[in-house]
Amino acid sequence: MQTTGWEEEFREYVMARGPALLRAARQLTGHPLDAEDLLQSALAKTYLAWGKIEDRGALDGYVRRAMVNINISQWRRRKLEEYPSDELPEVATADTTDTTVCGEVHELLDKALEELPERMRAAIVLRYYEDMTEPEIARTLGISVGTVKSTVSRAMAKLRGALGISS
């Protein structure tokens, strides 16, 4: 099967940027398998729009935006299936006796990130993992800069609390 020039260009892009995009997807979803599904869906959308994307330097932003949009759509649909309960589930505790201090901190941080609401997690990932500015995050999430600031602030407070760090 012969590929066209743009198909080869797309393949090269995925090979070069796939690992970094998968890390971003992992931080958005909090689960490796969900991250793979999310990235695959975002790359499928990118593939369909490849010919329309003129600025190849903006590809990462396009894929990240697609991942955020898909993830938000998924958790909005899931919200309809969740119902409040009178009893709280038991909270699992991690056994960190055999890990190094650095590994322990990363594991605790990953768990704390997973417990954040979706928008807070997305804002933290985009700000501190993707190093985006507040206006870039606002555009990506479709919210105001003020909402980004307050969301990041509240998320950081929750993370500090979960990690036992005083501010």
N, C-alpha and C. Protein backbone atom coordinates (compact mmCIF):
# COMPACT_ATOMS: atom_id res chain seq x y z
N MET A 1 0.84 -1.18 0.00
CA MET A 1 0.00 0.00 0.00
C MET A 1 0.88 1.24 0.00
N GLN A 2 0.65 2.11 -0.93
CA GLN A 2 1.43 3.34 -1.08
C GLN A 2 0.82 4.45 -0.23
N THR A 3 1.68 5.18 0.48
CA THR A 3 1.18 6.29 1.29
C THR A 3 1.46 7.60 0.59
N THR A 4 0.62 8.58 0.86
CA THR A 4 0.83 9.91 0.29
C THR A 4 1.82 10.65 1.17
N GLY A 5 2.27 11.80 0.69
CA GLY A 5 3.24 12.60 1.43
C GLY A 5 2.71 13.04 2.78
N TRP A 6 1.45 13.46 2.83
CA TRP A 6 0.91 13.93 4.11
C TRP A 6 0.69 12.79 5.08
N GLU A 7 0.39 11.59 4.57
CA GLU A 7 0.25 10.44 5.47
C GLU A 7 1.58 10.09 6.11
N GLU A 8 2.65 10.16 5.33
CA GLU A 8 3.99 9.91 5.87
C GLU A 8 4.37 11.00 6.87
N GLU A 9 4.00 12.25 6.56
CA GLU A 9 4.27 13.36 7.47
C GLU A 9 3.53 13.15 8.80
N PHE A 10 2.27 12.70 8.72
CA PHE A 10 1.50 12.42 9.92
C PHE A 10 2.15 11.29 10.72
N ARG A 11 2.55 10.23 10.04
CA ARG A 11 3.19 9.09 10.70
C ARG A 11 4.47 9.55 11.42
N GLU A 12 5.27 10.36 10.78
CA GLU A 12 6.50 10.87 11.39
C GLU A 12 6.18 11.73 12.62
N TYR A 13 5.14 12.55 12.51
CA TYR A 13 4.73 13.38 13.64
C TYR A 13 4.35 12.50 14.83
N VAL A 14 3.54 11.47 14.59
CA VAL A 14 3.09 10.60 15.67
C VAL A 14 4.27 9.87 16.29
N MET A 15 5.19 9.42 15.47
CA MET A 15 6.37 8.71 16.00
C MET A 15 7.23 9.65 16.85
N ALA A 16 7.38 10.89 16.42
CA ALA A 16 8.23 11.84 17.13
C ALA A 16 7.57 12.38 18.40
N ARG A 17 6.30 12.69 18.34
CA ARG A 17 5.63 13.38 19.45
C ARG A 17 4.74 12.47 20.29
N GLY A 18 4.53 11.24 19.84
CA GLY A 18 3.64 10.32 20.53
C GLY A 18 3.93 10.14 22.01
N PRO A 19 5.19 9.87 22.39
CA PRO A 19 5.46 9.67 23.82
C PRO A 19 5.12 10.89 24.69
N ALA A 20 5.45 12.08 24.23
CA ALA A 20 5.13 13.28 25.00
C ALA A 20 3.62 13.49 25.08
N LEU A 21 2.93 13.25 23.99
CA LEU A 21 1.47 13.41 23.99
C LEU A 21 0.81 12.35 24.88
N LEU A 22 1.38 11.15 24.91
CA LEU A 22 0.84 10.11 25.78
C LEU A 22 1.01 10.47 27.24
N ARG A 23 2.14 11.10 27.60
CA ARG A 23 2.33 11.55 28.98
C ARG A 23 1.28 12.58 29.36
N ALA A 24 1.00 13.50 28.44
CA ALA A 24 -0.04 14.51 28.71
C ALA A 24 -1.40 13.84 28.87
N ALA A 25 -1.69 12.86 28.03
CA ALA A 25 -2.97 12.15 28.12
C ALA A 25 -3.06 11.39 29.44
N ARG A 26 -1.95 10.83 29.88
CA ARG A 26 -1.93 10.08 31.16
C ARG A 26 -2.25 11.02 32.32
N GLN A 27 -1.70 12.21 32.27
CA GLN A 27 -1.98 13.16 33.34
C GLN A 27 -3.42 13.66 33.28
N LEU A 28 -3.99 13.75 32.10
CA LEU A 28 -5.39 14.18 31.99
C LEU A 28 -6.36 13.11 32.50
N THR A 29 -6.06 11.86 32.20
CA THR A 29 -7.01 10.80 32.55
C THR A 29 -6.71 10.14 33.88
N GLY A 30 -5.44 10.08 34.26
CA GLY A 30 -5.07 9.42 35.49
C GLY A 30 -4.98 7.91 35.37
N HIS A 31 -5.10 7.38 34.15
CA HIS A 31 -5.06 5.93 33.96
C HIS A 31 -4.39 5.62 32.62
N PRO A 32 -3.41 4.70 32.59
CA PRO A 32 -2.66 4.44 31.35
C PRO A 32 -3.52 3.98 30.17
N LEU A 33 -4.47 3.10 30.41
CA LEU A 33 -5.29 2.61 29.29
C LEU A 33 -6.23 3.68 28.78
N ASP A 34 -6.80 4.46 29.69
CA ASP A 34 -7.66 5.57 29.27
C ASP A 34 -6.84 6.60 28.49
N ALA A 35 -5.59 6.79 28.89
CA ALA A 35 -4.72 7.74 28.21
C ALA A 35 -4.46 7.30 26.77
N GLU A 36 -4.22 6.01 26.58
CA GLU A 36 -4.00 5.49 25.22
C GLU A 36 -5.24 5.71 24.36
N ASP A 37 -6.42 5.43 24.92
CA ASP A 37 -7.66 5.63 24.18
C ASP A 37 -7.86 7.11 23.84
N LEU A 38 -7.59 7.97 24.82
CA LEU A 38 -7.75 9.40 24.61
C LEU A 38 -6.82 9.90 23.52
N LEU A 39 -5.56 9.50 23.58
CA LEU A 39 -4.60 9.94 22.56
C LEU A 39 -4.99 9.40 21.19
N GLN A 40 -5.42 8.16 21.13
CA GLN A 40 -5.82 7.59 19.85
C GLN A 40 -6.99 8.37 19.24
N SER A 41 -7.97 8.72 20.07
CA SER A 41 -9.11 9.50 19.58
C SER A 41 -8.67 10.87 19.08
N ALA A 42 -7.78 11.51 19.84
CA ALA A 42 -7.29 12.83 19.46
C ALA A 42 -6.47 12.76 18.16
N LEU A 43 -5.67 11.71 18.02
CA LEU A 43 -4.88 11.57 16.79
C LEU A 43 -5.78 11.25 15.60
N ALA A 44 -6.86 10.53 15.82
CA ALA A 44 -7.81 10.26 14.74
C ALA A 44 -8.43 11.56 14.25
N LYS A 45 -8.80 12.44 15.18
CA LYS A 45 -9.34 13.75 14.79
C LYS A 45 -8.29 14.57 14.05
N THR A 46 -7.06 14.50 14.53
CA THR A 46 -5.97 15.24 13.89
C THR A 46 -5.72 14.71 12.48
N TYR A 47 -5.76 13.40 12.33
CA TYR A 47 -5.56 12.79 11.02
C TYR A 47 -6.60 13.30 10.02
N LEU A 48 -7.85 13.36 10.47
CA LEU A 48 -8.93 13.83 9.58
C LEU A 48 -8.77 15.30 9.21
N ALA A 49 -8.17 16.08 10.10
CA ALA A 49 -8.02 17.52 9.85
C ALA A 49 -6.62 17.87 9.34
N TRP A 50 -5.77 16.90 9.11
CA TRP A 50 -4.36 17.14 8.79
C TRP A 50 -4.19 18.13 7.62
N GLY A 51 -4.95 17.97 6.59
CA GLY A 51 -4.82 18.84 5.42
C GLY A 51 -5.25 20.28 5.68
N LYS A 52 -6.04 20.51 6.71
CA LYS A 52 -6.54 21.84 7.04
C LYS A 52 -5.62 22.59 8.00
N ILE A 53 -4.70 21.86 8.64
CA ILE A 53 -3.80 22.48 9.62
C ILE A 53 -2.60 23.04 8.86
N GLU A 54 -2.58 24.34 8.70
CA GLU A 54 -1.52 24.97 7.92
C GLU A 54 -0.26 25.19 8.75
N ASP A 55 -0.41 25.55 10.00
CA ASP A 55 0.74 25.82 10.86
C ASP A 55 1.17 24.53 11.55
N ARG A 56 2.18 23.87 11.01
CA ARG A 56 2.64 22.60 11.56
C ARG A 56 3.25 22.78 12.96
N GLY A 57 3.64 23.98 13.29
CA GLY A 57 4.16 24.25 14.62
C GLY A 57 3.08 24.21 15.69
N ALA A 58 1.83 24.28 15.28
CA ALA A 58 0.71 24.29 16.22
C ALA A 58 0.09 22.90 16.40
N LEU A 59 0.73 21.88 15.86
CA LEU A 59 0.15 20.53 15.92
C LEU A 59 -0.02 20.02 17.34
N ASP A 60 0.99 20.23 18.20
CA ASP A 60 0.88 19.77 19.58
C ASP A 60 -0.31 20.43 20.27
N GLY A 61 -0.48 21.71 20.04
CA GLY A 61 -1.61 22.43 20.63
C GLY A 61 -2.94 21.89 20.11
N TYR A 62 -2.99 21.56 18.83
CA TYR A 62 -4.20 21.02 18.24
C TYR A 62 -4.55 19.68 18.89
N VAL A 63 -3.54 18.80 19.02
CA VAL A 63 -3.77 17.48 19.60
C VAL A 63 -4.14 17.61 21.08
N ARG A 64 -3.43 18.48 21.82
CA ARG A 64 -3.75 18.67 23.24
C ARG A 64 -5.17 19.19 23.41
N ARG A 65 -5.56 20.15 22.57
CA ARG A 65 -6.91 20.69 22.64
C ARG A 65 -7.93 19.59 22.36
N ALA A 66 -7.65 18.75 21.38
CA ALA A 66 -8.56 17.64 21.07
C ALA A 66 -8.65 16.69 22.27
N MET A 67 -7.52 16.41 22.92
CA MET A 67 -7.54 15.52 24.08
C MET A 67 -8.37 16.12 25.21
N VAL A 68 -8.18 17.41 25.47
CA VAL A 68 -8.94 18.06 26.54
C VAL A 68 -10.44 18.03 26.21
N ASN A 69 -10.80 18.36 24.97
CA ASN A 69 -12.21 18.37 24.58
C ASN A 69 -12.83 16.98 24.69
N ILE A 70 -12.12 15.96 24.21
CA ILE A 70 -12.63 14.60 24.27
C ILE A 70 -12.78 14.17 25.73
N ASN A 71 -11.78 14.47 26.54
CA ASN A 71 -11.81 14.10 27.95
C ASN A 71 -12.98 14.78 28.68
N ILE A 72 -13.18 16.05 28.40
CA ILE A 72 -14.30 16.77 29.03
C ILE A 72 -15.62 16.17 28.59
N SER A 73 -15.76 15.85 27.30
CA SER A 73 -17.00 15.24 26.81
C SER A 73 -17.25 13.91 27.50
N GLN A 74 -16.18 13.13 27.70
CA GLN A 74 -16.34 11.83 28.34
C GLN A 74 -16.76 11.97 29.80
N TRP A 75 -16.14 12.90 30.55
CA TRP A 75 -16.53 12.99 31.96
C TRP A 75 -17.88 13.65 32.12
N ARG A 76 -18.31 14.47 31.15
CA ARG A 76 -19.67 15.00 31.23
C ARG A 76 -20.69 13.89 31.05
N ARG A 77 -20.41 12.98 30.13
CA ARG A 77 -21.32 11.84 29.94
C ARG A 77 -21.30 10.93 31.16
N ARG A 78 -20.12 10.71 31.74
CA ARG A 78 -20.01 9.85 32.92
C ARG A 78 -20.73 10.44 34.11
N LYS A 79 -20.75 11.77 34.22
CA LYS A 79 -21.40 12.40 35.36
C LYS A 79 -22.86 11.98 35.47
N LEU A 80 -23.51 11.75 34.35
CA LEU A 80 -24.91 11.36 34.37
C LEU A 80 -25.10 9.98 34.97
N GLU A 81 -24.04 9.17 34.97
CA GLU A 81 -24.13 7.82 35.49
C GLU A 81 -23.72 7.72 36.95
N GLU A 82 -23.27 8.80 37.55
CA GLU A 82 -22.83 8.78 38.94
C GLU A 82 -23.93 9.35 39.84
N TYR A 83 -24.14 8.66 40.95
CA TYR A 83 -25.18 9.07 41.87
C TYR A 83 -24.59 9.19 43.27
N PRO A 84 -25.09 10.13 44.06
CA PRO A 84 -24.57 10.28 45.43
C PRO A 84 -24.95 9.08 46.29
N SER A 85 -24.14 8.86 47.31
CA SER A 85 -24.36 7.75 48.21
C SER A 85 -24.27 8.25 49.65
N ASP A 86 -24.98 7.58 50.54
CA ASP A 86 -24.91 7.94 51.96
C ASP A 86 -23.61 7.48 52.61
N GLU A 87 -22.97 6.47 52.03
CA GLU A 87 -21.75 5.92 52.59
C GLU A 87 -20.56 6.21 51.68
N LEU A 88 -19.47 6.63 52.27
CA LEU A 88 -18.26 6.86 51.51
C LEU A 88 -17.51 5.55 51.33
N PRO A 89 -16.91 5.31 50.16
CA PRO A 89 -16.14 4.08 49.98
C PRO A 89 -14.85 4.16 50.79
N GLU A 90 -14.30 3.00 51.09
CA GLU A 90 -13.03 2.96 51.80
C GLU A 90 -11.95 3.51 50.90
N VAL A 91 -11.04 4.26 51.48
CA VAL A 91 -9.94 4.85 50.73
C VAL A 91 -8.74 3.91 50.81
N ALA A 92 -8.22 3.51 49.65
CA ALA A 92 -7.06 2.63 49.62
C ALA A 92 -5.82 3.43 50.01
N THR A 93 -4.96 2.81 50.78
CA THR A 93 -3.71 3.45 51.14
C THR A 93 -2.58 2.76 50.42
N ALA A 94 -1.61 3.53 50.01
CA ALA A 94 -0.49 2.99 49.26
C ALA A 94 0.56 2.43 50.21
N ASP A 95 1.15 1.30 49.83
CA ASP A 95 2.26 0.73 50.59
C ASP A 95 3.54 1.26 49.97
N THR A 96 4.15 2.22 50.63
CA THR A 96 5.34 2.87 50.08
C THR A 96 6.60 2.48 50.83
N THR A 97 6.59 1.37 51.52
CA THR A 97 7.75 0.99 52.33
C THR A 97 8.96 0.61 51.50
N ASP A 98 8.74 0.12 50.27
CA ASP A 98 9.86 -0.35 49.46
C ASP A 98 10.29 0.66 48.39
N THR A 99 9.75 1.86 48.40
CA THR A 99 10.09 2.83 47.35
C THR A 99 11.05 3.86 47.89
N THR A 100 11.76 4.49 46.98
CA THR A 100 12.64 5.57 47.38
C THR A 100 11.82 6.81 47.69
N VAL A 101 12.43 7.77 48.33
CA VAL A 101 11.70 8.99 48.71
C VAL A 101 11.18 9.70 47.46
N CYS A 102 12.00 9.81 46.43
CA CYS A 102 11.59 10.50 45.20
C CYS A 102 10.44 9.74 44.54
N GLY A 103 10.56 8.43 44.43
CA GLY A 103 9.50 7.63 43.84
C GLY A 103 8.22 7.71 44.64
N GLU A 104 8.38 7.78 45.96
CA GLU A 104 7.22 7.88 46.85
C GLU A 104 6.48 9.18 46.62
N VAL A 105 7.22 10.27 46.48
CA VAL A 105 6.59 11.57 46.25
C VAL A 105 5.86 11.57 44.91
N HIS A 106 6.49 11.02 43.88
CA HIS A 106 5.84 10.99 42.56
C HIS A 106 4.58 10.13 42.60
N GLU A 107 4.64 9.02 43.29
CA GLU A 107 3.47 8.15 43.40
C GLU A 107 2.34 8.86 44.14
N LEU A 108 2.68 9.52 45.25
CA LEU A 108 1.67 10.25 46.00
C LEU A 108 1.08 11.39 45.18
N LEU A 109 1.94 12.07 44.42
CA LEU A 109 1.45 13.15 43.58
C LEU A 109 0.52 12.63 42.50
N ASP A 110 0.89 11.51 41.87
CA ASP A 110 0.02 10.92 40.85
C ASP A 110 -1.34 10.55 41.44
N LYS A 111 -1.34 9.97 42.64
CA LYS A 111 -2.61 9.60 43.28
C LYS A 111 -3.43 10.85 43.62
N ALA A 112 -2.74 11.88 44.11
CA ALA A 112 -3.45 13.12 44.45
C ALA A 112 -4.03 13.76 43.19
N LEU A 113 -3.29 13.72 42.08
CA LEU A 113 -3.80 14.25 40.81
C LEU A 113 -5.03 13.49 40.35
N GLU A 114 -5.00 12.17 40.50
CA GLU A 114 -6.13 11.34 40.08
C GLU A 114 -7.41 11.68 40.86
N GLU A 115 -7.25 12.15 42.09
CA GLU A 115 -8.41 12.46 42.92
C GLU A 115 -8.99 13.85 42.65
N LEU A 116 -8.27 14.67 41.90
CA LEU A 116 -8.79 16.00 41.57
C LEU A 116 -9.93 15.89 40.58
N PRO A 117 -10.88 16.82 40.62
CA PRO A 117 -11.90 16.87 39.57
C PRO A 117 -11.23 17.12 38.21
N GLU A 118 -11.90 16.71 37.16
CA GLU A 118 -11.33 16.75 35.81
C GLU A 118 -10.78 18.12 35.41
N ARG A 119 -11.56 19.18 35.64
CA ARG A 119 -11.10 20.51 35.22
C ARG A 119 -9.86 20.93 35.99
N MET A 120 -9.84 20.64 37.28
CA MET A 120 -8.66 20.98 38.09
C MET A 120 -7.44 20.21 37.59
N ARG A 121 -7.62 18.91 37.34
CA ARG A 121 -6.51 18.09 36.86
C ARG A 121 -6.01 18.63 35.51
N ALA A 122 -6.94 18.95 34.62
CA ALA A 122 -6.54 19.46 33.31
C ALA A 122 -5.75 20.77 33.46
N ALA A 123 -6.22 21.66 34.32
CA ALA A 123 -5.53 22.94 34.51
C ALA A 123 -4.12 22.73 35.07
N ILE A 124 -3.98 21.83 36.04
CA ILE A 124 -2.66 21.56 36.64
C ILE A 124 -1.73 20.93 35.60
N VAL A 125 -2.24 19.97 34.85
CA VAL A 125 -1.40 19.30 33.83
C VAL A 125 -0.95 20.30 32.78
N LEU A 126 -1.87 21.11 32.30
CA LEU A 126 -1.50 22.08 31.27
C LEU A 126 -0.54 23.12 31.81
N ARG A 127 -0.71 23.53 33.05
CA ARG A 127 0.15 24.58 33.62
C ARG A 127 1.54 24.06 33.98
N TYR A 128 1.59 22.96 34.70
CA TYR A 128 2.87 22.52 35.25
C TYR A 128 3.54 21.38 34.49
N TYR A 129 2.79 20.61 33.74
CA TYR A 129 3.40 19.53 32.96
C TYR A 129 3.64 19.99 31.51
N GLU A 130 2.70 20.75 30.96
CA GLU A 130 2.84 21.24 29.59
C GLU A 130 3.41 22.66 29.54
N ASP A 131 3.59 23.29 30.71
CA ASP A 131 4.19 24.62 30.83
C ASP A 131 3.47 25.67 30.00
N MET A 132 2.14 25.60 30.00
CA MET A 132 1.34 26.58 29.27
C MET A 132 1.06 27.79 30.16
N THR A 133 0.89 28.94 29.54
CA THR A 133 0.55 30.14 30.29
C THR A 133 -0.94 30.12 30.63
N GLU A 134 -1.33 31.01 31.55
CA GLU A 134 -2.75 31.06 31.93
C GLU A 134 -3.65 31.41 30.75
N PRO A 135 -3.28 32.39 29.88
CA PRO A 135 -4.13 32.65 28.71
C PRO A 135 -4.22 31.45 27.76
N GLU A 136 -3.12 30.70 27.61
CA GLU A 136 -3.15 29.51 26.75
C GLU A 136 -4.08 28.45 27.34
N ILE A 137 -4.02 28.28 28.65
CA ILE A 137 -4.89 27.31 29.31
C ILE A 137 -6.35 27.74 29.16
N ALA A 138 -6.60 29.02 29.33
CA ALA A 138 -7.97 29.54 29.19
C ALA A 138 -8.51 29.23 27.80
N ARG A 139 -7.70 29.48 26.78
CA ARG A 139 -8.14 29.17 25.40
C ARG A 139 -8.35 27.68 25.22
N THR A 140 -7.44 26.88 25.73
CA THR A 140 -7.53 25.43 25.57
C THR A 140 -8.76 24.85 26.25
N LEU A 141 -9.05 25.32 27.45
CA LEU A 141 -10.19 24.78 28.20
C LEU A 141 -11.49 25.52 27.92
N GLY A 142 -11.39 26.66 27.22
CA GLY A 142 -12.60 27.42 26.92
C GLY A 142 -13.18 28.13 28.13
N ILE A 143 -12.29 28.61 29.01
CA ILE A 143 -12.72 29.32 30.21
C ILE A 143 -11.95 30.63 30.30
N SER A 144 -12.31 31.49 31.24
CA SER A 144 -11.64 32.78 31.39
C SER A 144 -10.31 32.60 32.12
N VAL A 145 -9.44 33.59 31.98
CA VAL A 145 -8.15 33.56 32.66
C VAL A 145 -8.36 33.56 34.18
N GLY A 146 -9.34 34.31 34.65
CA GLY A 146 -9.64 34.34 36.07
C GLY A 146 -10.06 32.97 36.59
N THR A 147 -10.84 32.25 35.79
CA THR A 147 -11.24 30.90 36.18
C THR A 147 -10.04 29.97 36.21
N VAL A 148 -9.12 30.16 35.27
CA VAL A 148 -7.88 29.35 35.28
C VAL A 148 -7.12 29.61 36.58
N LYS A 149 -6.96 30.88 36.93
CA LYS A 149 -6.20 31.23 38.14
C LYS A 149 -6.83 30.62 39.38
N SER A 150 -8.15 30.76 39.52
CA SER A 150 -8.80 30.23 40.72
C SER A 150 -8.80 28.71 40.71
N THR A 151 -8.97 28.10 39.55
CA THR A 151 -8.96 26.64 39.46
C THR A 151 -7.60 26.08 39.83
N VAL A 152 -6.53 26.68 39.30
CA VAL A 152 -5.18 26.23 39.61
C VAL A 152 -4.89 26.44 41.10
N SER A 153 -5.31 27.57 41.63
CA SER A 153 -5.08 27.86 43.05
C SER A 153 -5.77 26.84 43.95
N ARG A 154 -7.04 26.55 43.66
CA ARG A 154 -7.78 25.57 44.45
C ARG A 154 -7.19 24.17 44.29
N ALA A 155 -6.77 23.84 43.07
CA ALA A 155 -6.18 22.52 42.83
C ALA A 155 -4.87 22.37 43.58
N MET A 156 -4.05 23.42 43.58
CA MET A 156 -2.78 23.36 44.30
C MET A 156 -3.02 23.21 45.80
N ALA A 157 -4.04 23.89 46.31
CA ALA A 157 -4.37 23.76 47.73
C ALA A 157 -4.78 22.32 48.05
N LYS A 158 -5.58 21.71 47.17
CA LYS A 158 -5.99 20.32 47.38
C LYS A 158 -4.79 19.39 47.31
N LEU A 159 -3.89 19.63 46.35
CA LEU A 159 -2.69 18.79 46.24
C LEU A 159 -1.81 18.92 47.49
N ARG A 160 -1.63 20.15 47.95
CA ARG A 160 -0.83 20.36 49.17
C ARG A 160 -1.45 19.62 50.35
N GLY A 161 -2.76 19.71 50.47
CA GLY A 161 -3.46 19.01 51.55
C GLY A 161 -3.30 17.50 51.44
N ALA A 162 -3.43 16.98 50.22
CA ALA A 162 -3.30 15.53 50.02
C ALA A 162 -1.88 15.04 50.30
N LEU A 163 -0.89 15.91 50.05
CA LEU A 163 0.49 15.53 50.28
C LEU A 163 0.99 15.93 51.66
N GLY A 164 0.14 16.61 52.44
CA GLY A 164 0.53 17.03 53.78
C GLY A 164 1.55 18.14 53.79
N ILE A 165 1.48 19.01 52.78
CA ILE A 165 2.39 20.15 52.69
C ILE A 165 1.64 21.40 53.10
N SER A 166 2.21 22.15 54.04
CA SER A 166 1.55 23.40 54.44
C SER A 166 2.02 24.50 53.50
N SER A 167 1.12 25.43 53.19
CA SER A 167 1.44 26.48 52.22
C SER A 167 2.16 27.64 52.79
